Amino acid sequence: MARNKADREDIVREATALVERVEVTVPTMAEPIVIGFRRDGSASFYFGTDPVWQFNSRGELRRGFVDGRLLKAVAGRLVTMERVRTATEVELRSRPLSDEDSQLVLASEAARLRPLTLAWQAGSIRIDRQVPTDSDVACRVQQLLEVHAESFVVAAAPHSR
């Protein structure tokens, strides 16, 4: 995940692990959103370079990148990962989020997805690009948004399955 626009990858073109992906524009949001699915059905949402939300094949939150922080699911709880650089290496240090902080993150996720969901329901989404072009990725995204309109479950592990 790129840290600034200059080194941002073109997810629609380059994220081949997402076998189906779509870039959409929502009138009320500043940047296009990319939503993609892996072969196992797990989904990822890219709101520009931050935040990024990744779900497993059951639709549970497994990983994220929010406000410059890496998040992952461990035993149904959110853990923040911090990169700490030393003279010889980079360490990833984990710290479980409190229940209160986890709820804030999940509420933020729901708030971020709500305008996307509403725009999709209203038919005001513009599909900019899609891979593959003959797939109905938009229908898959709409179904996922309907399932998670208001609530999210944290996965047991950060893996996609």
N, C-alpha and C. Protein backbone atom coordinates (compact mmCIF):
# COMPACT_ATOMS: atom_id res chain seq x y z
N MET A 1 0.83 -1.16 0.00
CA MET A 1 0.00 0.00 0.00
C MET A 1 0.88 1.24 0.00
N ALA A 2 0.71 2.04 -0.97
CA ALA A 2 1.56 3.21 -1.11
C ALA A 2 1.25 4.25 -0.04
N ARG A 3 2.24 5.00 0.32
CA ARG A 3 2.10 6.02 1.34
C ARG A 3 1.72 7.38 0.78
N ASN A 4 1.98 7.62 -0.49
CA ASN A 4 1.57 8.88 -1.09
C ASN A 4 1.18 8.65 -2.54
N LYS A 5 0.49 9.65 -3.12
CA LYS A 5 -0.04 9.48 -4.46
C LYS A 5 1.04 9.22 -5.50
N ALA A 6 2.23 9.76 -5.30
CA ALA A 6 3.28 9.61 -6.29
C ALA A 6 3.68 8.16 -6.50
N ASP A 7 3.62 7.33 -5.43
CA ASP A 7 4.02 5.94 -5.58
C ASP A 7 2.83 4.98 -5.45
N ARG A 8 1.65 5.49 -5.68
CA ARG A 8 0.45 4.66 -5.60
C ARG A 8 0.37 3.74 -6.81
N GLU A 9 0.15 2.48 -6.56
CA GLU A 9 0.03 1.55 -7.67
C GLU A 9 -1.35 1.67 -8.30
N ASP A 10 -1.46 1.24 -9.52
CA ASP A 10 -2.74 1.19 -10.22
C ASP A 10 -3.36 -0.16 -9.89
N ILE A 11 -4.19 -0.20 -8.88
CA ILE A 11 -4.73 -1.46 -8.36
C ILE A 11 -5.55 -2.18 -9.42
N VAL A 12 -6.34 -1.44 -10.19
CA VAL A 12 -7.17 -2.10 -11.20
C VAL A 12 -6.29 -2.81 -12.22
N ARG A 13 -5.19 -2.21 -12.59
CA ARG A 13 -4.32 -2.81 -13.60
C ARG A 13 -3.38 -3.86 -13.01
N GLU A 14 -2.85 -3.62 -11.80
CA GLU A 14 -1.74 -4.42 -11.30
C GLU A 14 -2.09 -5.46 -10.23
N ALA A 15 -3.21 -5.34 -9.58
CA ALA A 15 -3.53 -6.26 -8.47
C ALA A 15 -4.13 -7.55 -8.99
N THR A 16 -3.29 -8.38 -9.60
CA THR A 16 -3.78 -9.59 -10.26
C THR A 16 -4.28 -10.65 -9.29
N ALA A 17 -3.93 -10.56 -8.00
CA ALA A 17 -4.50 -11.49 -7.02
C ALA A 17 -6.00 -11.24 -6.86
N LEU A 18 -6.43 -10.02 -7.18
CA LEU A 18 -7.86 -9.71 -7.20
C LEU A 18 -8.35 -10.03 -8.60
N VAL A 19 -8.90 -11.24 -8.76
CA VAL A 19 -9.24 -11.74 -10.09
C VAL A 19 -10.41 -10.99 -10.70
N GLU A 20 -11.23 -10.39 -9.85
CA GLU A 20 -12.29 -9.50 -10.31
C GLU A 20 -12.14 -8.20 -9.53
N ARG A 21 -12.12 -7.07 -10.24
CA ARG A 21 -11.95 -5.80 -9.57
C ARG A 21 -12.63 -4.70 -10.38
N VAL A 22 -13.04 -3.69 -9.65
CA VAL A 22 -13.75 -2.59 -10.29
C VAL A 22 -13.35 -1.28 -9.62
N GLU A 23 -13.23 -0.23 -10.41
CA GLU A 23 -12.98 1.10 -9.88
C GLU A 23 -14.25 1.90 -10.11
N VAL A 24 -14.76 2.50 -9.03
CA VAL A 24 -16.00 3.27 -9.12
C VAL A 24 -15.79 4.68 -8.58
N THR A 25 -16.62 5.57 -9.08
CA THR A 25 -16.66 6.94 -8.57
C THR A 25 -18.00 7.14 -7.89
N VAL A 26 -17.94 7.70 -6.69
CA VAL A 26 -19.14 8.03 -5.92
C VAL A 26 -19.20 9.55 -5.88
N PRO A 27 -20.33 10.15 -6.26
CA PRO A 27 -20.40 11.61 -6.33
C PRO A 27 -20.00 12.32 -5.04
N THR A 28 -20.24 11.73 -3.89
CA THR A 28 -19.97 12.40 -2.61
C THR A 28 -18.59 12.11 -2.05
N MET A 29 -17.78 11.34 -2.77
CA MET A 29 -16.45 10.98 -2.27
C MET A 29 -15.37 11.55 -3.17
N ALA A 30 -14.26 11.93 -2.55
CA ALA A 30 -13.19 12.65 -3.26
C ALA A 30 -12.45 11.79 -4.27
N GLU A 31 -12.15 10.56 -3.92
CA GLU A 31 -11.34 9.70 -4.78
C GLU A 31 -12.12 8.49 -5.24
N PRO A 32 -11.74 7.94 -6.40
CA PRO A 32 -12.37 6.68 -6.81
C PRO A 32 -12.07 5.57 -5.79
N ILE A 33 -12.92 4.59 -5.76
CA ILE A 33 -12.80 3.45 -4.85
C ILE A 33 -12.57 2.22 -5.72
N VAL A 34 -11.64 1.37 -5.29
CA VAL A 34 -11.40 0.11 -5.99
C VAL A 34 -11.85 -1.01 -5.07
N ILE A 35 -12.66 -1.91 -5.62
CA ILE A 35 -13.14 -3.07 -4.88
C ILE A 35 -12.75 -4.30 -5.70
N GLY A 36 -12.16 -5.28 -5.03
CA GLY A 36 -11.74 -6.46 -5.75
C GLY A 36 -11.99 -7.73 -4.96
N PHE A 37 -12.04 -8.85 -5.69
CA PHE A 37 -12.28 -10.16 -5.10
C PHE A 37 -11.17 -11.13 -5.50
N ARG A 38 -10.70 -11.90 -4.52
CA ARG A 38 -9.76 -12.99 -4.78
C ARG A 38 -10.54 -14.21 -5.28
N ARG A 39 -9.81 -15.22 -5.71
CA ARG A 39 -10.47 -16.45 -6.20
C ARG A 39 -11.38 -17.08 -5.15
N ASP A 40 -11.00 -16.97 -3.88
CA ASP A 40 -11.80 -17.58 -2.81
C ASP A 40 -13.00 -16.73 -2.41
N GLY A 41 -13.19 -15.58 -3.05
CA GLY A 41 -14.33 -14.72 -2.75
C GLY A 41 -14.05 -13.62 -1.74
N SER A 42 -12.86 -13.62 -1.15
CA SER A 42 -12.54 -12.57 -0.18
C SER A 42 -12.42 -11.24 -0.92
N ALA A 43 -12.87 -10.17 -0.26
CA ALA A 43 -12.96 -8.86 -0.89
C ALA A 43 -12.01 -7.86 -0.25
N SER A 44 -11.61 -6.87 -1.05
CA SER A 44 -10.79 -5.76 -0.57
C SER A 44 -11.40 -4.47 -1.08
N PHE A 45 -11.40 -3.45 -0.22
CA PHE A 45 -11.88 -2.11 -0.56
C PHE A 45 -10.72 -1.14 -0.40
N TYR A 46 -10.42 -0.40 -1.45
CA TYR A 46 -9.34 0.59 -1.43
C TYR A 46 -9.96 1.98 -1.62
N PHE A 47 -9.97 2.76 -0.56
CA PHE A 47 -10.44 4.14 -0.61
C PHE A 47 -9.22 5.01 -0.81
N GLY A 48 -8.76 5.12 -2.04
CA GLY A 48 -7.48 5.76 -2.30
C GLY A 48 -6.39 4.90 -1.68
N THR A 49 -5.41 5.53 -1.06
CA THR A 49 -4.33 4.78 -0.43
C THR A 49 -4.62 4.49 1.04
N ASP A 50 -5.63 5.13 1.60
CA ASP A 50 -5.96 4.97 3.02
C ASP A 50 -7.37 5.51 3.23
N PRO A 51 -8.25 4.68 3.74
CA PRO A 51 -8.07 3.35 4.29
C PRO A 51 -8.21 2.26 3.23
N VAL A 52 -7.75 1.09 3.64
CA VAL A 52 -7.92 -0.14 2.88
C VAL A 52 -8.52 -1.15 3.83
N TRP A 53 -9.58 -1.82 3.39
CA TRP A 53 -10.25 -2.84 4.21
C TRP A 53 -10.20 -4.15 3.45
N GLN A 54 -9.79 -5.23 4.13
CA GLN A 54 -9.74 -6.55 3.49
C GLN A 54 -10.54 -7.54 4.33
N PHE A 55 -11.38 -8.29 3.64
CA PHE A 55 -12.26 -9.26 4.28
C PHE A 55 -11.88 -10.67 3.86
N ASN A 56 -12.24 -11.65 4.68
CA ASN A 56 -12.01 -13.04 4.29
C ASN A 56 -13.19 -13.53 3.45
N SER A 57 -13.16 -14.78 3.06
CA SER A 57 -14.20 -15.32 2.18
C SER A 57 -15.56 -15.41 2.86
N ARG A 58 -15.61 -15.28 4.19
CA ARG A 58 -16.89 -15.26 4.92
C ARG A 58 -17.38 -13.83 5.16
N GLY A 59 -16.64 -12.84 4.65
CA GLY A 59 -17.03 -11.45 4.80
C GLY A 59 -16.62 -10.82 6.12
N GLU A 60 -15.71 -11.47 6.84
CA GLU A 60 -15.23 -10.95 8.11
C GLU A 60 -14.00 -10.08 7.88
N LEU A 61 -13.87 -9.00 8.64
CA LEU A 61 -12.72 -8.11 8.52
C LEU A 61 -11.46 -8.86 8.95
N ARG A 62 -10.47 -8.90 8.07
CA ARG A 62 -9.24 -9.62 8.38
C ARG A 62 -8.03 -8.72 8.48
N ARG A 63 -8.00 -7.64 7.69
CA ARG A 63 -6.86 -6.71 7.71
C ARG A 63 -7.32 -5.33 7.28
N GLY A 64 -6.51 -4.35 7.63
CA GLY A 64 -6.80 -3.00 7.19
C GLY A 64 -5.56 -2.13 7.26
N PHE A 65 -5.68 -1.01 6.63
CA PHE A 65 -4.66 0.02 6.69
C PHE A 65 -5.43 1.31 6.88
N VAL A 66 -5.34 1.89 8.08
CA VAL A 66 -6.18 3.02 8.44
C VAL A 66 -5.34 4.08 9.14
N ASP A 67 -5.43 5.32 8.67
CA ASP A 67 -4.69 6.42 9.27
C ASP A 67 -3.20 6.08 9.42
N GLY A 68 -2.65 5.41 8.41
CA GLY A 68 -1.25 5.06 8.44
C GLY A 68 -0.91 3.86 9.32
N ARG A 69 -1.91 3.20 9.88
CA ARG A 69 -1.67 2.05 10.77
C ARG A 69 -2.07 0.76 10.07
N LEU A 70 -1.27 -0.27 10.22
CA LEU A 70 -1.64 -1.61 9.79
C LEU A 70 -2.49 -2.24 10.88
N LEU A 71 -3.57 -2.89 10.48
CA LEU A 71 -4.42 -3.61 11.42
C LEU A 71 -4.55 -5.04 10.93
N LYS A 72 -4.67 -5.97 11.88
CA LYS A 72 -4.97 -7.35 11.49
C LYS A 72 -5.87 -7.96 12.54
N ALA A 73 -6.57 -9.00 12.13
CA ALA A 73 -7.46 -9.73 13.03
C ALA A 73 -6.70 -10.87 13.67
N VAL A 74 -6.83 -11.00 14.98
CA VAL A 74 -6.23 -12.10 15.73
C VAL A 74 -7.24 -12.55 16.76
N ALA A 75 -7.70 -13.78 16.63
CA ALA A 75 -8.64 -14.36 17.59
C ALA A 75 -9.87 -13.47 17.78
N GLY A 76 -10.37 -12.91 16.68
CA GLY A 76 -11.58 -12.11 16.74
C GLY A 76 -11.38 -10.70 17.28
N ARG A 77 -10.14 -10.28 17.44
CA ARG A 77 -9.83 -8.92 17.94
C ARG A 77 -8.93 -8.22 16.95
N LEU A 78 -8.96 -6.90 16.98
CA LEU A 78 -8.08 -6.13 16.12
C LEU A 78 -6.76 -5.84 16.82
N VAL A 79 -5.69 -5.99 16.07
CA VAL A 79 -4.34 -5.74 16.56
C VAL A 79 -3.72 -4.71 15.62
N THR A 80 -3.07 -3.70 16.19
CA THR A 80 -2.36 -2.73 15.37
C THR A 80 -0.91 -3.16 15.24
N MET A 81 -0.37 -2.97 14.06
CA MET A 81 1.00 -3.36 13.77
C MET A 81 1.78 -2.08 13.50
N GLU A 82 2.87 -1.90 14.20
CA GLU A 82 3.71 -0.72 14.02
C GLU A 82 5.08 -1.14 13.51
N ARG A 83 5.52 -0.47 12.45
CA ARG A 83 6.87 -0.72 11.92
C ARG A 83 7.85 0.09 12.73
N VAL A 84 8.84 -0.60 13.30
CA VAL A 84 9.88 0.05 14.08
C VAL A 84 11.21 -0.24 13.40
N ARG A 85 11.87 0.81 12.95
CA ARG A 85 13.15 0.66 12.25
C ARG A 85 14.30 0.77 13.25
N THR A 86 15.19 -0.20 13.18
CA THR A 86 16.41 -0.16 13.97
C THR A 86 17.57 0.02 13.00
N ALA A 87 18.76 0.02 13.49
CA ALA A 87 19.93 0.20 12.63
C ALA A 87 20.10 -0.95 11.64
N THR A 88 19.60 -2.14 12.00
CA THR A 88 19.84 -3.31 11.16
C THR A 88 18.59 -3.95 10.56
N GLU A 89 17.40 -3.60 11.05
CA GLU A 89 16.19 -4.26 10.55
C GLU A 89 14.95 -3.43 10.81
N VAL A 90 13.86 -3.94 10.28
CA VAL A 90 12.55 -3.34 10.54
C VAL A 90 11.72 -4.39 11.26
N GLU A 91 11.21 -4.04 12.42
CA GLU A 91 10.37 -4.95 13.21
C GLU A 91 8.92 -4.53 13.09
N LEU A 92 8.04 -5.51 13.11
CA LEU A 92 6.61 -5.23 13.23
C LEU A 92 6.21 -5.56 14.66
N ARG A 93 5.78 -4.56 15.38
CA ARG A 93 5.36 -4.76 16.77
C ARG A 93 3.84 -4.73 16.83
N SER A 94 3.29 -5.72 17.48
CA SER A 94 1.83 -5.85 17.59
C SER A 94 1.35 -5.34 18.94
N ARG A 95 0.16 -4.72 18.89
CA ARG A 95 -0.50 -4.29 20.12
C ARG A 95 -1.99 -4.45 19.93
N PRO A 96 -2.64 -5.27 20.77
CA PRO A 96 -4.09 -5.42 20.65
C PRO A 96 -4.78 -4.09 20.94
N LEU A 97 -5.80 -3.79 20.16
CA LEU A 97 -6.60 -2.60 20.43
C LEU A 97 -7.57 -2.90 21.56
N SER A 98 -7.87 -1.90 22.34
CA SER A 98 -8.88 -2.06 23.38
C SER A 98 -10.23 -2.27 22.72
N ASP A 99 -11.19 -2.78 23.48
CA ASP A 99 -12.53 -2.97 22.93
C ASP A 99 -13.09 -1.64 22.43
N GLU A 100 -12.83 -0.57 23.16
CA GLU A 100 -13.31 0.75 22.77
C GLU A 100 -12.68 1.21 21.45
N ASP A 101 -11.37 1.05 21.33
CA ASP A 101 -10.68 1.43 20.10
C ASP A 101 -11.13 0.57 18.92
N SER A 102 -11.35 -0.72 19.17
CA SER A 102 -11.84 -1.60 18.11
C SER A 102 -13.21 -1.14 17.62
N GLN A 103 -14.07 -0.78 18.55
CA GLN A 103 -15.40 -0.31 18.17
C GLN A 103 -15.31 0.99 17.36
N LEU A 104 -14.37 1.85 17.72
CA LEU A 104 -14.18 3.09 16.94
C LEU A 104 -13.73 2.78 15.52
N VAL A 105 -12.82 1.83 15.37
CA VAL A 105 -12.36 1.43 14.05
C VAL A 105 -13.50 0.85 13.24
N LEU A 106 -14.28 -0.03 13.84
CA LEU A 106 -15.40 -0.66 13.13
C LEU A 106 -16.47 0.36 12.78
N ALA A 107 -16.72 1.33 13.66
CA ALA A 107 -17.69 2.38 13.37
C ALA A 107 -17.19 3.25 12.23
N SER A 108 -15.89 3.51 12.20
CA SER A 108 -15.29 4.29 11.11
C SER A 108 -15.44 3.55 9.79
N GLU A 109 -15.24 2.23 9.83
CA GLU A 109 -15.38 1.41 8.63
C GLU A 109 -16.82 1.48 8.12
N ALA A 110 -17.77 1.32 9.02
CA ALA A 110 -19.18 1.37 8.64
C ALA A 110 -19.53 2.75 8.06
N ALA A 111 -19.01 3.81 8.67
CA ALA A 111 -19.27 5.16 8.19
C ALA A 111 -18.67 5.37 6.80
N ARG A 112 -17.52 4.78 6.54
CA ARG A 112 -16.86 4.92 5.25
C ARG A 112 -17.64 4.16 4.17
N LEU A 113 -18.17 2.99 4.52
CA LEU A 113 -18.90 2.18 3.54
C LEU A 113 -20.33 2.67 3.31
N ARG A 114 -20.91 3.37 4.29
CA ARG A 114 -22.32 3.79 4.18
C ARG A 114 -22.60 4.64 2.94
N PRO A 115 -21.80 5.71 2.65
CA PRO A 115 -22.10 6.48 1.44
C PRO A 115 -21.95 5.65 0.16
N LEU A 116 -21.00 4.72 0.16
CA LEU A 116 -20.85 3.84 -0.98
C LEU A 116 -22.09 2.98 -1.15
N THR A 117 -22.57 2.42 -0.05
CA THR A 117 -23.77 1.58 -0.08
C THR A 117 -24.98 2.38 -0.56
N LEU A 118 -25.17 3.57 0.00
CA LEU A 118 -26.31 4.41 -0.38
C LEU A 118 -26.24 4.82 -1.85
N ALA A 119 -25.05 5.19 -2.32
CA ALA A 119 -24.89 5.57 -3.72
C ALA A 119 -25.18 4.38 -4.63
N TRP A 120 -24.75 3.20 -4.20
CA TRP A 120 -24.99 2.00 -5.01
C TRP A 120 -26.49 1.73 -5.10
N GLN A 121 -27.18 1.85 -3.96
CA GLN A 121 -28.63 1.64 -3.94
C GLN A 121 -29.37 2.67 -4.79
N ALA A 122 -28.85 3.90 -4.80
CA ALA A 122 -29.49 4.98 -5.56
C ALA A 122 -29.14 4.95 -7.04
N GLY A 123 -28.19 4.11 -7.41
CA GLY A 123 -27.77 4.03 -8.80
C GLY A 123 -26.90 5.19 -9.25
N SER A 124 -26.26 5.85 -8.29
CA SER A 124 -25.42 7.00 -8.64
C SER A 124 -23.93 6.66 -8.71
N ILE A 125 -23.60 5.39 -8.71
CA ILE A 125 -22.23 4.93 -8.87
C ILE A 125 -21.86 4.99 -10.34
N ARG A 126 -20.66 5.44 -10.62
CA ARG A 126 -20.14 5.38 -11.99
C ARG A 126 -19.02 4.36 -12.01
N ILE A 127 -19.13 3.36 -12.86
CA ILE A 127 -18.08 2.36 -13.01
C ILE A 127 -17.07 2.91 -14.01
N ASP A 128 -15.84 3.12 -13.53
CA ASP A 128 -14.79 3.71 -14.37
C ASP A 128 -14.03 2.63 -15.14
N ARG A 129 -13.61 1.58 -14.44
CA ARG A 129 -12.85 0.49 -15.05
C ARG A 129 -13.22 -0.80 -14.35
N GLN A 130 -13.04 -1.90 -15.08
CA GLN A 130 -13.35 -3.20 -14.50
C GLN A 130 -12.51 -4.27 -15.16
N VAL A 131 -12.07 -5.25 -14.33
CA VAL A 131 -11.32 -6.40 -14.81
C VAL A 131 -11.93 -7.64 -14.18
N PRO A 132 -12.31 -8.64 -14.97
CA PRO A 132 -12.41 -8.64 -16.42
C PRO A 132 -13.62 -7.81 -16.88
N THR A 133 -13.58 -7.35 -18.09
CA THR A 133 -14.62 -6.44 -18.58
C THR A 133 -15.97 -7.13 -18.77
N ASP A 134 -15.98 -8.45 -18.91
CA ASP A 134 -17.24 -9.17 -19.15
C ASP A 134 -17.84 -9.78 -17.89
N SER A 135 -17.34 -9.44 -16.72
CA SER A 135 -17.81 -9.98 -15.46
C SER A 135 -18.78 -9.00 -14.79
N ASP A 136 -19.66 -9.51 -13.95
CA ASP A 136 -20.59 -8.64 -13.23
C ASP A 136 -20.06 -8.38 -11.81
N VAL A 137 -18.92 -7.72 -11.75
CA VAL A 137 -18.31 -7.41 -10.46
C VAL A 137 -19.22 -6.49 -9.66
N ALA A 138 -19.89 -5.58 -10.32
CA ALA A 138 -20.77 -4.63 -9.64
C ALA A 138 -21.85 -5.35 -8.83
N CYS A 139 -22.40 -6.41 -9.37
CA CYS A 139 -23.43 -7.19 -8.65
C CYS A 139 -22.84 -7.82 -7.40
N ARG A 140 -21.64 -8.35 -7.49
CA ARG A 140 -20.97 -8.96 -6.33
C ARG A 140 -20.73 -7.91 -5.25
N VAL A 141 -20.29 -6.72 -5.66
CA VAL A 141 -20.04 -5.65 -4.70
C VAL A 141 -21.33 -5.25 -4.01
N GLN A 142 -22.39 -5.08 -4.78
CA GLN A 142 -23.68 -4.69 -4.20
C GLN A 142 -24.16 -5.72 -3.19
N GLN A 143 -24.03 -6.99 -3.49
CA GLN A 143 -24.44 -8.04 -2.56
C GLN A 143 -23.63 -7.96 -1.27
N LEU A 144 -22.33 -7.75 -1.39
CA LEU A 144 -21.47 -7.64 -0.21
C LEU A 144 -21.86 -6.43 0.63
N LEU A 145 -22.12 -5.31 -0.01
CA LEU A 145 -22.51 -4.10 0.72
C LEU A 145 -23.84 -4.29 1.45
N GLU A 146 -24.76 -4.98 0.83
CA GLU A 146 -26.06 -5.23 1.48
C GLU A 146 -25.90 -6.09 2.73
N VAL A 147 -25.02 -7.07 2.66
CA VAL A 147 -24.78 -7.95 3.82
C VAL A 147 -24.16 -7.17 4.96
N HIS A 148 -23.26 -6.23 4.63
CA HIS A 148 -22.52 -5.51 5.66
C HIS A 148 -22.95 -4.06 5.79
N ALA A 149 -24.22 -3.80 5.56
CA ALA A 149 -24.70 -2.42 5.59
C ALA A 149 -24.44 -1.73 6.92
N GLU A 150 -24.53 -2.44 8.02
CA GLU A 150 -24.40 -1.78 9.32
C GLU A 150 -23.45 -2.47 10.29
N SER A 151 -23.10 -3.71 10.02
CA SER A 151 -22.29 -4.41 11.03
C SER A 151 -21.16 -5.21 10.37
N PHE A 152 -20.10 -5.37 11.15
CA PHE A 152 -18.92 -6.09 10.71
C PHE A 152 -18.46 -7.01 11.81
N VAL A 153 -17.91 -8.13 11.41
CA VAL A 153 -17.36 -9.09 12.35
C VAL A 153 -15.86 -9.15 12.11
N VAL A 154 -15.09 -9.16 13.17
CA VAL A 154 -13.64 -9.29 13.06
C VAL A 154 -13.32 -10.78 12.93
N ALA A 155 -12.50 -11.12 11.97
CA ALA A 155 -12.13 -12.50 11.71
C ALA A 155 -11.26 -13.08 12.82
N ALA A 156 -11.15 -14.38 12.82
CA ALA A 156 -10.30 -15.07 13.81
C ALA A 156 -8.82 -14.93 13.44
N ALA A 157 -8.55 -14.72 12.14
CA ALA A 157 -7.15 -14.65 11.67
C ALA A 157 -7.07 -13.68 10.48
N PRO A 158 -5.89 -13.19 10.17
CA PRO A 158 -5.75 -12.23 9.07
C PRO A 158 -5.71 -12.85 7.68
N HIS A 159 -5.93 -14.17 7.58
CA HIS A 159 -5.85 -14.85 6.29
C HIS A 159 -7.16 -14.69 5.53
N SER A 160 -7.12 -14.88 4.23
CA SER A 160 -8.30 -14.65 3.39
C SER A 160 -9.33 -15.75 3.49
N ARG A 161 -8.97 -16.91 4.00
CA ARG A 161 -9.97 -18.01 4.07
C ARG A 161 -10.53 -18.16 5.45
